[in-house]
Each structure stands twice: as structure tokens, then as C-alpha cells.
């Protein structure tokens, strides 16, 4: 699915060497409030930092605020879309999560745990090797579709034929594919798209199906 690309974590950009300038080889997500080089392949991903109010309560001595509220924050729309977009980039190139050491010590492992438990991805670190839980692929490509990096035809082609489509994609499929001449109920749309998916035969997932537009 990822064409031999990997997602890795670094705490110091100097570890990258000359590859840092190769925008075709890697994309770097800067998850930091610190300054960083303004290179074409470095993206501001500071939305993945815990909100200021959570960090202030943690600094004021609430030891459990990060564990209790940061994962909930990551599940909200904008941070979650950022994570999905970074994973989508993996179909085209390597992705580096840059989190300076002082910030990683505060929230970095919780972010990596969230990415693993939600999307099944273990990142390259000094103690872990990149891997993907294949059982998460149906959910992951459904999220690709929801953030508009897969079109509906490619999404149906890639989704496992023996699995029901998640409910959260049905309305979007109905709006984009218009299968009926007359308005229909959610259940009718769900039955139609699940039958369409089941009837296609073999599922095909190719990296070219993911259309990531870098900004």
C-alpha cells in the first residue's frame, strides 16, 4: 500500500543529512513551536501539539491532564485530518515526524500511541520499526476518501469486497455518485453501495489511487 515508504520520528533535523532537501524522497511534518528551516518539503503540523490550555494545566501540576484530554483532542476533526493526510503522503514518499526532544518528552509518545491504536501504524524510532496493521486498511482508506484524496470509484475499487462499508462514507458516496434518479433513504443507499462493493470481485489498492495535493 505504501510502496516501501515509511513513517519515522526524529527529534533533531540534523539527523537527516542531505536528504532533508529532497522533496521527492520525503515530507517532513514539523510538530513543534520551535523555529525550523523553511524548505519546500517541511510542513507545519503544529496542530498536533496539545492545546495551550492542556499544556498550561500540565505545567501547573495536573499530572494526568495530558493522558485524559490529549487523545480526545487528536480525535477531533482538524488534528485527525492532519494525521490522515500525512499517512496518505506515505503512498508517495517517506514521511518524517519532527518533534524536538523537549517537546517529544511531553507528548510525543502519546501521539505515536494514538497513531498506532487508531490507524495501526508503528513509526520508525530508535527502538521500533515501521509496520502497518493490515486490519486497519479498510478504515484508513475510508478516511482517505473522506478527506478527498481518493475519488469514489477508486475507493470502491480498493475497499475489501467482503466487508461492509462504514456508515460514515454512505452520504458522501450518495452525493458524489448519484445512483438513483429519485431521493432515497440512508438504508437504501447503504444497501446499494454495499451490493456494488460486494459485486466487484477482487479489491485493488494501488498508491496512484491516492491523489495528495501538497501545499
N, C-alpha and C. Protein backbone atom coordinates (compact mmCIF):
# COMPACT_ATOMS: atom_id res chain seq x y z
N UNK A 1 0.83 -1.22 0.00
CA UNK A 1 0.00 0.00 0.00
C UNK A 1 0.86 1.26 0.00
N UNK A 2 1.96 1.23 0.74
CA UNK A 2 2.79 2.42 0.88
C UNK A 2 4.03 2.40 -0.01
N UNK A 3 4.11 1.42 -0.91
CA UNK A 3 5.18 1.45 -1.92
C UNK A 3 6.57 1.51 -1.30
N UNK A 4 6.76 0.77 -0.20
CA UNK A 4 8.05 0.69 0.52
C UNK A 4 8.45 1.99 1.21
N UNK A 5 7.52 2.92 1.36
CA UNK A 5 7.79 4.12 2.13
C UNK A 5 7.53 3.85 3.62
N UNK A 6 8.06 4.72 4.47
CA UNK A 6 7.92 4.53 5.91
C UNK A 6 7.66 5.86 6.60
N UNK A 7 7.03 5.79 7.76
CA UNK A 7 6.86 6.97 8.62
C UNK A 7 7.82 6.83 9.79
N UNK A 8 8.60 7.88 10.02
CA UNK A 8 9.64 7.84 11.04
C UNK A 8 9.53 9.08 11.93
N UNK A 9 10.12 8.98 13.10
CA UNK A 9 10.15 10.09 14.05
C UNK A 9 11.59 10.49 14.31
N UNK A 10 11.87 11.79 14.25
CA UNK A 10 13.18 12.28 14.64
C UNK A 10 13.00 13.46 15.59
N UNK A 11 14.01 13.68 16.42
CA UNK A 11 13.98 14.80 17.37
C UNK A 11 15.01 15.87 17.00
N UNK A 12 15.77 15.62 15.94
CA UNK A 12 16.81 16.57 15.51
C UNK A 12 16.92 16.49 13.99
N UNK A 13 16.64 17.60 13.31
CA UNK A 13 16.67 17.60 11.85
C UNK A 13 18.06 17.32 11.28
N UNK A 14 19.10 17.53 12.07
CA UNK A 14 20.46 17.28 11.58
C UNK A 14 20.68 15.80 11.31
N UNK A 15 19.84 14.94 11.87
CA UNK A 15 19.97 13.51 11.63
C UNK A 15 19.63 13.13 10.19
N UNK A 16 18.95 14.02 9.48
CA UNK A 16 18.51 13.68 8.13
C UNK A 16 19.60 13.83 7.08
N UNK A 17 20.58 14.68 7.29
CA UNK A 17 21.63 14.87 6.31
C UNK A 17 21.10 15.53 5.05
N UNK A 18 21.74 15.28 3.91
CA UNK A 18 21.34 15.97 2.66
C UNK A 18 19.95 15.60 2.18
N UNK A 19 19.40 14.47 2.66
CA UNK A 19 18.05 14.06 2.22
C UNK A 19 16.99 15.08 2.61
N UNK A 20 17.32 15.96 3.55
CA UNK A 20 16.33 16.94 4.01
C UNK A 20 15.88 17.84 2.87
N UNK A 21 16.69 17.98 1.83
CA UNK A 21 16.35 18.85 0.70
C UNK A 21 15.65 18.12 -0.43
N UNK A 22 15.45 16.82 -0.29
CA UNK A 22 14.88 16.02 -1.38
C UNK A 22 13.37 15.89 -1.20
N UNK A 23 12.62 16.77 -1.82
CA UNK A 23 11.16 16.77 -1.63
C UNK A 23 10.49 15.59 -2.31
N UNK A 24 11.17 14.94 -3.23
CA UNK A 24 10.60 13.76 -3.87
C UNK A 24 10.80 12.50 -3.03
N UNK A 25 11.73 12.56 -2.09
CA UNK A 25 12.06 11.41 -1.25
C UNK A 25 11.32 11.44 0.07
N UNK A 26 11.12 12.63 0.63
CA UNK A 26 10.50 12.70 1.95
C UNK A 26 9.69 13.98 2.13
N UNK A 27 8.73 13.89 3.03
CA UNK A 27 7.99 15.04 3.53
C UNK A 27 8.20 15.08 5.04
N UNK A 28 8.40 16.26 5.57
CA UNK A 28 8.69 16.43 7.00
C UNK A 28 7.57 17.22 7.64
N UNK A 29 6.94 16.64 8.66
CA UNK A 29 5.88 17.32 9.41
C UNK A 29 6.49 17.90 10.68
N UNK A 30 6.55 19.22 10.76
CA UNK A 30 7.14 19.88 11.92
C UNK A 30 6.07 20.00 13.01
N UNK A 31 6.19 19.16 14.03
CA UNK A 31 5.23 19.16 15.14
C UNK A 31 5.92 19.84 16.31
N UNK A 32 5.98 21.16 16.23
CA UNK A 32 6.79 21.91 17.18
C UNK A 32 6.38 23.38 17.19
N UNK A 33 6.69 24.05 18.28
CA UNK A 33 6.55 25.50 18.34
C UNK A 33 7.88 26.19 18.09
N UNK A 34 8.94 25.40 17.92
CA UNK A 34 10.27 25.94 17.67
C UNK A 34 10.41 26.37 16.20
N UNK A 35 11.43 27.17 15.94
CA UNK A 35 11.74 27.53 14.56
C UNK A 35 12.31 26.31 13.84
N UNK A 36 12.11 26.25 12.53
CA UNK A 36 12.66 25.17 11.71
C UNK A 36 12.91 25.72 10.30
N UNK A 37 13.78 25.06 9.53
CA UNK A 37 14.10 25.58 8.19
C UNK A 37 12.85 25.65 7.30
N UNK A 38 12.75 26.69 6.52
CA UNK A 38 11.62 26.85 5.60
C UNK A 38 11.97 26.22 4.26
N UNK A 39 11.86 24.91 4.21
CA UNK A 39 12.16 24.16 2.99
C UNK A 39 10.86 23.70 2.34
N UNK A 40 10.88 23.45 1.03
CA UNK A 40 9.63 23.08 0.33
C UNK A 40 8.96 21.82 0.86
N UNK A 41 9.72 20.94 1.49
CA UNK A 41 9.14 19.68 1.94
C UNK A 41 8.93 19.62 3.45
N UNK A 42 9.00 20.75 4.13
CA UNK A 42 8.71 20.81 5.57
C UNK A 42 7.38 21.50 5.77
N UNK A 43 6.48 20.82 6.44
CA UNK A 43 5.11 21.31 6.61
C UNK A 43 4.81 21.60 8.08
N UNK A 44 4.04 22.62 8.30
CA UNK A 44 3.63 22.98 9.66
C UNK A 44 2.54 22.02 10.12
N UNK A 45 2.88 21.16 11.07
CA UNK A 45 1.91 20.22 11.63
C UNK A 45 1.71 20.48 13.11
N UNK A 46 1.87 21.76 13.51
CA UNK A 46 1.77 22.11 14.92
C UNK A 46 0.37 21.89 15.48
N UNK A 47 -0.61 21.67 14.60
CA UNK A 47 -1.97 21.37 15.07
C UNK A 47 -1.98 20.09 15.90
N UNK A 48 -0.93 19.26 15.77
CA UNK A 48 -0.86 18.01 16.52
C UNK A 48 -0.26 18.18 17.91
N UNK A 49 0.17 19.40 18.24
CA UNK A 49 0.63 19.70 19.60
C UNK A 49 -0.58 19.83 20.51
N UNK A 50 -0.51 19.37 21.75
CA UNK A 50 -1.65 19.57 22.67
C UNK A 50 -2.02 21.04 22.77
N UNK A 51 -3.32 21.35 22.87
CA UNK A 51 -3.74 22.74 23.00
C UNK A 51 -3.09 23.42 24.21
N UNK A 52 -2.93 24.74 24.10
CA UNK A 52 -2.24 25.51 25.15
C UNK A 52 -2.88 25.31 26.51
N UNK A 53 -4.21 25.26 26.57
CA UNK A 53 -4.86 25.14 27.88
C UNK A 53 -4.53 23.82 28.55
N UNK A 54 -4.37 22.77 27.76
CA UNK A 54 -3.99 21.47 28.33
C UNK A 54 -2.54 21.53 28.82
N UNK A 55 -1.66 22.11 28.02
CA UNK A 55 -0.25 22.21 28.43
C UNK A 55 -0.09 23.09 29.66
N UNK A 56 -0.88 24.14 29.78
CA UNK A 56 -0.80 25.02 30.95
C UNK A 56 -1.23 24.28 32.21
N UNK A 57 -2.28 23.51 32.12
CA UNK A 57 -2.72 22.74 33.29
C UNK A 57 -1.69 21.68 33.66
N UNK A 58 -1.06 21.08 32.64
CA UNK A 58 0.00 20.11 32.91
C UNK A 58 1.18 20.79 33.61
N UNK A 59 1.57 21.97 33.11
CA UNK A 59 2.69 22.71 33.71
C UNK A 59 2.37 23.18 35.12
N UNK A 60 1.09 23.39 35.40
CA UNK A 60 0.68 23.84 36.73
C UNK A 60 0.55 22.69 37.73
N UNK A 61 0.86 21.47 37.28
CA UNK A 61 0.92 20.37 38.21
C UNK A 61 -0.20 19.35 38.12
N UNK A 62 -0.98 19.39 37.04
CA UNK A 62 -2.01 18.36 36.84
C UNK A 62 -1.36 17.21 36.06
N UNK A 63 -0.93 16.14 36.71
CA UNK A 63 -0.11 15.13 36.03
C UNK A 63 -0.88 14.26 35.04
N UNK A 64 -2.20 14.26 35.13
CA UNK A 64 -2.98 13.34 34.29
C UNK A 64 -3.74 14.03 33.16
N UNK A 65 -3.62 15.36 33.06
CA UNK A 65 -4.42 16.09 32.09
C UNK A 65 -4.05 15.69 30.66
N UNK A 66 -2.79 15.47 30.38
CA UNK A 66 -2.40 15.08 29.02
C UNK A 66 -2.97 13.72 28.65
N UNK A 67 -2.82 12.75 29.56
CA UNK A 67 -3.33 11.41 29.28
C UNK A 67 -4.83 11.38 29.10
N UNK A 68 -5.55 12.26 29.82
CA UNK A 68 -7.01 12.22 29.76
C UNK A 68 -7.59 13.05 28.63
N UNK A 69 -6.92 14.13 28.21
CA UNK A 69 -7.53 15.04 27.24
C UNK A 69 -6.83 15.11 25.88
N UNK A 70 -5.54 14.85 25.84
CA UNK A 70 -4.82 14.94 24.55
C UNK A 70 -5.33 13.92 23.53
N UNK A 71 -5.53 12.64 23.89
CA UNK A 71 -6.08 11.72 22.88
C UNK A 71 -7.44 12.15 22.36
N UNK A 72 -8.28 12.71 23.24
CA UNK A 72 -9.59 13.20 22.78
C UNK A 72 -9.42 14.34 21.78
N UNK A 73 -8.45 15.20 22.04
CA UNK A 73 -8.18 16.30 21.11
C UNK A 73 -7.75 15.76 19.75
N UNK A 74 -6.89 14.75 19.73
CA UNK A 74 -6.41 14.18 18.47
C UNK A 74 -7.53 13.54 17.66
N UNK A 75 -8.60 13.17 18.32
CA UNK A 75 -9.74 12.57 17.61
C UNK A 75 -10.68 13.60 17.02
N UNK A 76 -10.45 14.90 17.30
CA UNK A 76 -11.29 15.93 16.71
C UNK A 76 -10.91 16.12 15.24
N UNK A 77 -11.75 16.80 14.49
CA UNK A 77 -11.65 16.79 13.03
C UNK A 77 -10.32 17.27 12.48
N UNK A 78 -9.86 18.45 12.90
CA UNK A 78 -8.68 19.04 12.26
C UNK A 78 -7.41 18.24 12.56
N UNK A 79 -7.10 17.90 13.82
CA UNK A 79 -5.91 17.07 14.05
C UNK A 79 -6.01 15.71 13.37
N UNK A 80 -7.19 15.10 13.39
CA UNK A 80 -7.34 13.78 12.78
C UNK A 80 -7.13 13.87 11.27
N UNK A 81 -7.68 14.89 10.63
CA UNK A 81 -7.47 15.07 9.19
C UNK A 81 -5.98 15.26 8.88
N UNK A 82 -5.26 15.95 9.74
CA UNK A 82 -3.82 16.14 9.53
C UNK A 82 -3.10 14.79 9.57
N UNK A 83 -3.43 13.95 10.54
CA UNK A 83 -2.80 12.63 10.63
C UNK A 83 -3.10 11.81 9.39
N UNK A 84 -4.35 11.83 8.96
CA UNK A 84 -4.74 11.05 7.77
C UNK A 84 -4.02 11.57 6.54
N UNK A 85 -3.89 12.89 6.41
CA UNK A 85 -3.18 13.46 5.26
C UNK A 85 -1.71 13.04 5.25
N UNK A 86 -1.09 13.00 6.43
CA UNK A 86 0.31 12.56 6.50
C UNK A 86 0.45 11.10 6.12
N UNK A 87 -0.51 10.28 6.56
CA UNK A 87 -0.47 8.87 6.19
C UNK A 87 -0.69 8.72 4.68
N UNK A 88 -1.58 9.53 4.12
CA UNK A 88 -1.81 9.48 2.67
C UNK A 88 -0.53 9.81 1.91
N UNK A 89 0.28 10.72 2.43
CA UNK A 89 1.55 11.06 1.79
C UNK A 89 2.48 9.86 1.69
N UNK A 90 2.31 8.90 2.61
CA UNK A 90 3.14 7.70 2.59
C UNK A 90 3.00 6.92 1.29
N UNK A 91 1.90 7.09 0.59
CA UNK A 91 1.75 6.39 -0.69
C UNK A 91 2.69 6.95 -1.75
N UNK A 92 3.28 8.15 -1.48
CA UNK A 92 4.13 8.81 -2.46
C UNK A 92 5.58 8.96 -2.04
N UNK A 93 5.81 9.06 -0.73
CA UNK A 93 7.17 9.32 -0.26
C UNK A 93 7.27 8.97 1.22
N UNK A 94 8.47 9.01 1.75
CA UNK A 94 8.67 8.80 3.18
C UNK A 94 8.16 10.03 3.94
N UNK A 95 7.65 9.78 5.14
CA UNK A 95 7.14 10.87 5.99
C UNK A 95 7.92 10.87 7.30
N UNK A 96 8.41 12.05 7.65
CA UNK A 96 9.17 12.23 8.89
C UNK A 96 8.35 13.10 9.83
N UNK A 97 8.13 12.62 11.03
CA UNK A 97 7.51 13.44 12.08
C UNK A 97 8.65 14.05 12.90
N UNK A 98 8.81 15.35 12.77
CA UNK A 98 9.87 16.05 13.51
C UNK A 98 9.29 16.64 14.79
N UNK A 99 9.72 16.09 15.92
CA UNK A 99 9.30 16.58 17.23
C UNK A 99 10.56 16.76 18.07
N UNK A 100 11.00 18.00 18.33
CA UNK A 100 12.21 18.19 19.13
C UNK A 100 12.12 17.46 20.47
N UNK A 101 13.29 17.06 20.97
CA UNK A 101 13.34 16.20 22.14
C UNK A 101 12.57 16.72 23.34
N UNK A 102 12.67 18.03 23.62
CA UNK A 102 11.98 18.56 24.80
C UNK A 102 10.47 18.44 24.66
N UNK A 103 9.96 18.63 23.45
CA UNK A 103 8.53 18.51 23.22
C UNK A 103 8.12 17.03 23.13
N UNK A 104 8.98 16.21 22.52
CA UNK A 104 8.65 14.77 22.46
C UNK A 104 8.49 14.20 23.87
N UNK A 105 9.31 14.65 24.80
CA UNK A 105 9.24 14.13 26.16
C UNK A 105 7.91 14.47 26.84
N UNK A 106 7.24 15.50 26.35
CA UNK A 106 5.96 15.89 26.93
C UNK A 106 4.80 15.11 26.32
N UNK A 107 4.74 15.04 24.99
CA UNK A 107 3.55 14.46 24.35
C UNK A 107 3.84 13.47 23.23
N UNK A 108 5.11 13.34 22.83
CA UNK A 108 5.44 12.58 21.63
C UNK A 108 4.98 11.13 21.66
N UNK A 109 5.23 10.44 22.76
CA UNK A 109 4.85 9.03 22.80
C UNK A 109 3.34 8.86 22.77
N UNK A 110 2.61 9.79 23.37
CA UNK A 110 1.15 9.71 23.32
C UNK A 110 0.64 9.89 21.89
N UNK A 111 1.29 10.76 21.12
CA UNK A 111 0.91 10.93 19.72
C UNK A 111 1.17 9.64 18.93
N UNK A 112 2.34 9.04 19.15
CA UNK A 112 2.65 7.79 18.45
C UNK A 112 1.69 6.68 18.84
N UNK A 113 1.34 6.62 20.12
CA UNK A 113 0.37 5.61 20.57
C UNK A 113 -0.97 5.81 19.90
N UNK A 114 -1.39 7.08 19.76
CA UNK A 114 -2.67 7.37 19.11
C UNK A 114 -2.64 6.93 17.65
N UNK A 115 -1.57 7.23 16.94
CA UNK A 115 -1.47 6.83 15.54
C UNK A 115 -1.52 5.31 15.42
N UNK A 116 -0.89 4.62 16.35
CA UNK A 116 -0.91 3.15 16.30
C UNK A 116 -2.31 2.60 16.60
N UNK A 117 -2.90 3.03 17.69
CA UNK A 117 -4.18 2.45 18.09
C UNK A 117 -5.31 2.83 17.14
N UNK A 118 -5.22 3.99 16.50
CA UNK A 118 -6.27 4.43 15.59
C UNK A 118 -6.06 3.91 14.18
N UNK A 119 -4.83 3.98 13.69
CA UNK A 119 -4.56 3.65 12.28
C UNK A 119 -3.60 2.48 12.08
N UNK A 120 -3.15 1.88 13.17
CA UNK A 120 -2.35 0.66 13.07
C UNK A 120 -0.94 0.85 12.58
N UNK A 121 -0.41 2.06 12.67
CA UNK A 121 0.93 2.34 12.16
C UNK A 121 1.91 2.48 13.33
N UNK A 122 2.97 1.70 13.27
CA UNK A 122 4.10 1.86 14.18
C UNK A 122 5.18 2.61 13.41
N UNK A 123 5.62 3.72 13.95
CA UNK A 123 6.63 4.54 13.28
C UNK A 123 8.04 4.04 13.57
N UNK A 124 8.94 4.32 12.63
CA UNK A 124 10.36 4.08 12.89
C UNK A 124 10.84 5.01 14.00
N UNK A 125 11.44 4.44 15.03
CA UNK A 125 12.10 5.20 16.10
C UNK A 125 13.38 4.44 16.43
N UNK A 126 14.20 4.94 17.35
CA UNK A 126 15.39 4.17 17.73
C UNK A 126 15.07 2.78 18.28
N UNK A 127 13.84 2.55 18.74
CA UNK A 127 13.51 1.25 19.34
C UNK A 127 12.41 0.49 18.63
N UNK A 128 11.81 1.07 17.58
CA UNK A 128 10.73 0.39 16.85
C UNK A 128 10.95 0.49 15.36
N UNK A 129 10.37 -0.44 14.62
CA UNK A 129 10.48 -0.46 13.16
C UNK A 129 9.12 -0.23 12.54
N UNK A 130 9.09 0.52 11.44
CA UNK A 130 7.83 0.84 10.78
C UNK A 130 7.07 -0.43 10.40
N UNK A 131 5.78 -0.43 10.71
CA UNK A 131 4.90 -1.52 10.30
C UNK A 131 3.48 -1.01 10.26
N UNK A 132 2.62 -1.77 9.58
CA UNK A 132 1.22 -1.40 9.41
C UNK A 132 0.34 -2.58 9.72
N UNK A 133 -0.64 -2.38 10.59
CA UNK A 133 -1.64 -3.41 10.89
C UNK A 133 -2.62 -3.47 9.72
N UNK A 134 -2.56 -4.55 8.95
CA UNK A 134 -3.37 -4.65 7.73
C UNK A 134 -4.87 -4.59 8.01
N UNK A 135 -5.28 -4.96 9.21
CA UNK A 135 -6.71 -4.94 9.52
C UNK A 135 -7.26 -3.51 9.57
N UNK A 136 -6.38 -2.51 9.66
CA UNK A 136 -6.82 -1.12 9.73
C UNK A 136 -6.99 -0.50 8.34
N UNK A 137 -6.58 -1.20 7.29
CA UNK A 137 -6.61 -0.60 5.95
C UNK A 137 -8.01 -0.18 5.51
N UNK A 138 -9.06 -0.99 5.73
CA UNK A 138 -10.40 -0.51 5.31
C UNK A 138 -10.79 0.81 5.96
N UNK A 139 -10.53 0.95 7.25
CA UNK A 139 -10.84 2.21 7.93
C UNK A 139 -9.98 3.33 7.39
N UNK A 140 -8.69 3.04 7.16
CA UNK A 140 -7.78 4.07 6.70
C UNK A 140 -8.15 4.59 5.32
N UNK A 141 -8.43 3.70 4.38
CA UNK A 141 -8.79 4.20 3.05
C UNK A 141 -10.15 4.89 3.06
N UNK A 142 -11.01 4.51 4.00
CA UNK A 142 -12.28 5.24 4.16
C UNK A 142 -12.02 6.68 4.59
N UNK A 143 -11.04 6.85 5.46
CA UNK A 143 -10.67 8.21 5.86
C UNK A 143 -9.99 8.95 4.70
N UNK A 144 -9.19 8.24 3.89
CA UNK A 144 -8.64 8.88 2.69
C UNK A 144 -9.76 9.45 1.83
N UNK A 145 -10.79 8.65 1.65
CA UNK A 145 -11.93 9.09 0.84
C UNK A 145 -12.61 10.30 1.47
N UNK A 146 -12.76 10.29 2.78
CA UNK A 146 -13.48 11.37 3.44
C UNK A 146 -12.72 12.70 3.40
N UNK A 147 -11.39 12.65 3.29
CA UNK A 147 -10.64 13.92 3.20
C UNK A 147 -10.31 14.26 1.74
N UNK A 148 -10.96 13.55 0.81
CA UNK A 148 -10.89 13.90 -0.62
C UNK A 148 -9.54 13.63 -1.28
N UNK A 149 -8.83 12.60 -0.81
CA UNK A 149 -7.62 12.20 -1.53
C UNK A 149 -7.85 10.90 -2.30
N UNK A 150 -9.07 10.37 -2.26
CA UNK A 150 -9.48 9.26 -3.13
C UNK A 150 -10.82 9.62 -3.73
N UNK A 151 -11.01 9.31 -5.02
CA UNK A 151 -12.31 9.54 -5.61
C UNK A 151 -13.22 8.34 -5.32
N UNK A 152 -14.52 8.47 -5.49
CA UNK A 152 -15.44 7.38 -5.09
C UNK A 152 -15.21 6.08 -5.85
N UNK A 153 -14.89 6.15 -7.13
CA UNK A 153 -14.67 4.92 -7.90
C UNK A 153 -13.45 4.17 -7.39
N UNK A 154 -12.36 4.89 -7.14
CA UNK A 154 -11.16 4.25 -6.62
C UNK A 154 -11.38 3.71 -5.21
N UNK A 155 -12.15 4.44 -4.43
CA UNK A 155 -12.44 3.98 -3.07
C UNK A 155 -13.19 2.65 -3.10
N UNK A 156 -14.23 2.56 -3.92
CA UNK A 156 -14.98 1.30 -4.03
C UNK A 156 -14.08 0.20 -4.56
N UNK A 157 -13.22 0.52 -5.52
CA UNK A 157 -12.32 -0.49 -6.08
C UNK A 157 -11.35 -1.02 -5.03
N UNK A 158 -10.92 -0.14 -4.12
CA UNK A 158 -9.90 -0.53 -3.14
C UNK A 158 -10.48 -1.18 -1.89
N UNK A 159 -11.73 -0.89 -1.58
CA UNK A 159 -12.31 -1.39 -0.33
C UNK A 159 -12.53 -2.90 -0.41
N UNK A 160 -12.24 -3.65 0.66
CA UNK A 160 -12.41 -5.11 0.61
C UNK A 160 -13.84 -5.51 0.24
N UNK A 161 -13.97 -6.41 -0.72
CA UNK A 161 -15.29 -6.79 -1.22
C UNK A 161 -16.10 -7.55 -0.19
N UNK A 162 -15.44 -8.18 0.76
CA UNK A 162 -16.15 -9.00 1.76
C UNK A 162 -16.45 -8.24 3.04
N UNK A 163 -16.29 -6.91 3.02
CA UNK A 163 -16.53 -6.11 4.22
C UNK A 163 -17.60 -5.06 3.96
N UNK A 164 -18.41 -4.79 4.98
CA UNK A 164 -19.41 -3.73 4.85
C UNK A 164 -18.73 -2.37 4.89
N UNK A 165 -19.23 -1.47 4.07
CA UNK A 165 -18.72 -0.11 4.09
C UNK A 165 -19.10 0.57 5.40
N UNK A 166 -18.23 1.40 5.95
CA UNK A 166 -18.59 2.11 7.18
C UNK A 166 -19.71 3.11 6.92
N UNK A 167 -20.55 3.30 7.90
CA UNK A 167 -21.71 4.19 7.71
C UNK A 167 -21.30 5.62 7.38
N UNK A 168 -20.14 6.05 7.89
CA UNK A 168 -19.78 7.47 7.70
C UNK A 168 -19.43 7.83 6.26
N UNK A 169 -19.28 6.83 5.36
CA UNK A 169 -18.98 7.17 3.96
C UNK A 169 -20.23 7.19 3.08
N UNK A 170 -21.36 6.68 3.58
CA UNK A 170 -22.53 6.45 2.72
C UNK A 170 -23.09 7.75 2.15
N UNK A 171 -23.30 8.75 2.98
CA UNK A 171 -23.87 10.00 2.47
C UNK A 171 -22.96 10.66 1.44
N UNK A 172 -21.65 10.60 1.66
CA UNK A 172 -20.71 11.20 0.71
C UNK A 172 -20.75 10.44 -0.62
N UNK A 173 -20.80 9.11 -0.57
CA UNK A 173 -20.92 8.33 -1.79
C UNK A 173 -22.19 8.68 -2.54
N UNK A 174 -23.30 8.83 -1.81
CA UNK A 174 -24.57 9.16 -2.44
C UNK A 174 -24.51 10.52 -3.12
N UNK A 175 -23.89 11.49 -2.47
CA UNK A 175 -23.80 12.84 -3.03
C UNK A 175 -22.92 12.87 -4.27
N UNK A 176 -21.88 12.03 -4.30
CA UNK A 176 -20.93 12.11 -5.40
C UNK A 176 -21.25 11.16 -6.56
N UNK A 177 -21.96 10.06 -6.28
CA UNK A 177 -22.20 9.07 -7.33
C UNK A 177 -23.63 9.09 -7.87
N UNK A 178 -24.59 9.65 -7.11
CA UNK A 178 -25.97 9.80 -7.58
C UNK A 178 -26.53 8.51 -8.19
N UNK A 179 -26.64 7.45 -7.40
CA UNK A 179 -27.05 6.17 -8.00
C UNK A 179 -28.53 6.08 -8.36
N UNK A 180 -29.37 6.94 -7.76
CA UNK A 180 -30.81 6.87 -8.01
C UNK A 180 -31.31 8.16 -8.63
N UNK A 181 -32.32 8.02 -9.46
CA UNK A 181 -32.93 9.21 -10.07
C UNK A 181 -33.78 9.97 -9.08
N UNK A 182 -34.31 9.26 -8.07
CA UNK A 182 -35.16 9.87 -7.05
C UNK A 182 -34.47 9.83 -5.69
N UNK A 183 -34.84 10.72 -4.77
CA UNK A 183 -34.27 10.67 -3.42
C UNK A 183 -34.49 9.30 -2.78
N UNK A 184 -33.56 8.88 -1.95
CA UNK A 184 -33.64 7.57 -1.29
C UNK A 184 -33.29 7.73 0.18
N UNK A 185 -33.58 6.70 0.95
CA UNK A 185 -33.24 6.71 2.37
C UNK A 185 -31.78 6.32 2.56
N UNK A 186 -31.27 6.59 3.73
CA UNK A 186 -29.90 6.19 4.05
C UNK A 186 -29.74 4.68 3.89
N UNK A 187 -30.73 3.92 4.35
CA UNK A 187 -30.65 2.47 4.26
C UNK A 187 -30.60 2.00 2.80
N UNK A 188 -31.37 2.63 1.95
CA UNK A 188 -31.35 2.25 0.53
C UNK A 188 -29.98 2.54 -0.09
N UNK A 189 -29.42 3.69 0.24
CA UNK A 189 -28.08 3.99 -0.26
C UNK A 189 -27.06 2.99 0.28
N UNK A 190 -27.15 2.68 1.57
CA UNK A 190 -26.20 1.74 2.18
C UNK A 190 -26.29 0.38 1.50
N UNK A 191 -27.51 -0.10 1.28
CA UNK A 191 -27.68 -1.40 0.62
C UNK A 191 -27.13 -1.37 -0.80
N UNK A 192 -27.37 -0.29 -1.52
CA UNK A 192 -26.89 -0.18 -2.89
C UNK A 192 -25.35 -0.22 -2.94
N UNK A 193 -24.71 0.61 -2.12
CA UNK A 193 -23.25 0.70 -2.20
C UNK A 193 -22.57 -0.56 -1.66
N UNK A 194 -23.17 -1.20 -0.67
CA UNK A 194 -22.60 -2.45 -0.19
C UNK A 194 -22.73 -3.56 -1.23
N UNK A 195 -23.86 -3.59 -1.95
CA UNK A 195 -24.00 -4.57 -3.04
C UNK A 195 -23.02 -4.27 -4.16
N UNK A 196 -22.85 -3.00 -4.49
CA UNK A 196 -21.89 -2.61 -5.52
C UNK A 196 -20.48 -3.05 -5.12
N UNK A 197 -20.14 -2.83 -3.86
CA UNK A 197 -18.81 -3.21 -3.39
C UNK A 197 -18.62 -4.72 -3.41
N UNK A 198 -19.63 -5.46 -2.97
CA UNK A 198 -19.52 -6.92 -2.91
C UNK A 198 -19.46 -7.55 -4.30
N UNK A 199 -20.05 -6.89 -5.29
CA UNK A 199 -20.15 -7.49 -6.63
C UNK A 199 -18.93 -7.25 -7.50
N UNK A 200 -17.99 -6.46 -7.02
CA UNK A 200 -16.88 -6.05 -7.90
C UNK A 200 -15.82 -7.11 -8.06
N UNK A 201 -15.82 -8.12 -7.18
CA UNK A 201 -14.78 -9.15 -7.25
C UNK A 201 -13.58 -8.74 -6.43
N UNK A 202 -12.40 -8.85 -7.01
CA UNK A 202 -11.16 -8.60 -6.29
C UNK A 202 -10.97 -7.11 -6.02
N UNK A 203 -10.54 -6.79 -4.79
CA UNK A 203 -10.20 -5.42 -4.44
C UNK A 203 -8.82 -5.07 -4.97
N UNK A 204 -8.67 -3.85 -5.43
CA UNK A 204 -7.39 -3.37 -5.95
C UNK A 204 -7.04 -2.06 -5.26
N UNK A 205 -5.91 -2.08 -4.54
CA UNK A 205 -5.43 -0.85 -3.91
C UNK A 205 -4.04 -0.53 -4.46
N UNK A 206 -3.93 0.59 -5.16
CA UNK A 206 -2.66 0.99 -5.74
C UNK A 206 -2.34 2.41 -5.25
N UNK A 207 -1.08 2.70 -4.94
CA UNK A 207 -0.75 4.03 -4.45
C UNK A 207 -1.23 5.17 -5.34
N UNK A 208 -1.32 4.94 -6.65
CA UNK A 208 -1.73 6.01 -7.56
C UNK A 208 -3.19 6.42 -7.34
N UNK A 209 -3.95 5.58 -6.61
CA UNK A 209 -5.35 5.94 -6.32
C UNK A 209 -5.46 7.09 -5.32
N UNK A 210 -4.40 7.34 -4.59
CA UNK A 210 -4.40 8.40 -3.58
C UNK A 210 -3.83 9.66 -4.22
N UNK A 211 -4.64 10.70 -4.30
CA UNK A 211 -4.27 11.93 -5.00
C UNK A 211 -3.98 13.01 -3.97
N UNK A 212 -2.77 13.04 -3.47
CA UNK A 212 -2.39 14.03 -2.47
C UNK A 212 -1.89 15.28 -3.17
N UNK A 213 -2.48 16.42 -2.82
CA UNK A 213 -2.03 17.70 -3.37
C UNK A 213 -1.27 18.40 -2.26
N UNK A 214 0.03 18.59 -2.44
CA UNK A 214 0.84 19.23 -1.43
C UNK A 214 0.80 20.74 -1.57
N UNK A 215 0.73 21.39 -0.43
CA UNK A 215 0.64 22.85 -0.42
C UNK A 215 1.88 23.44 0.25
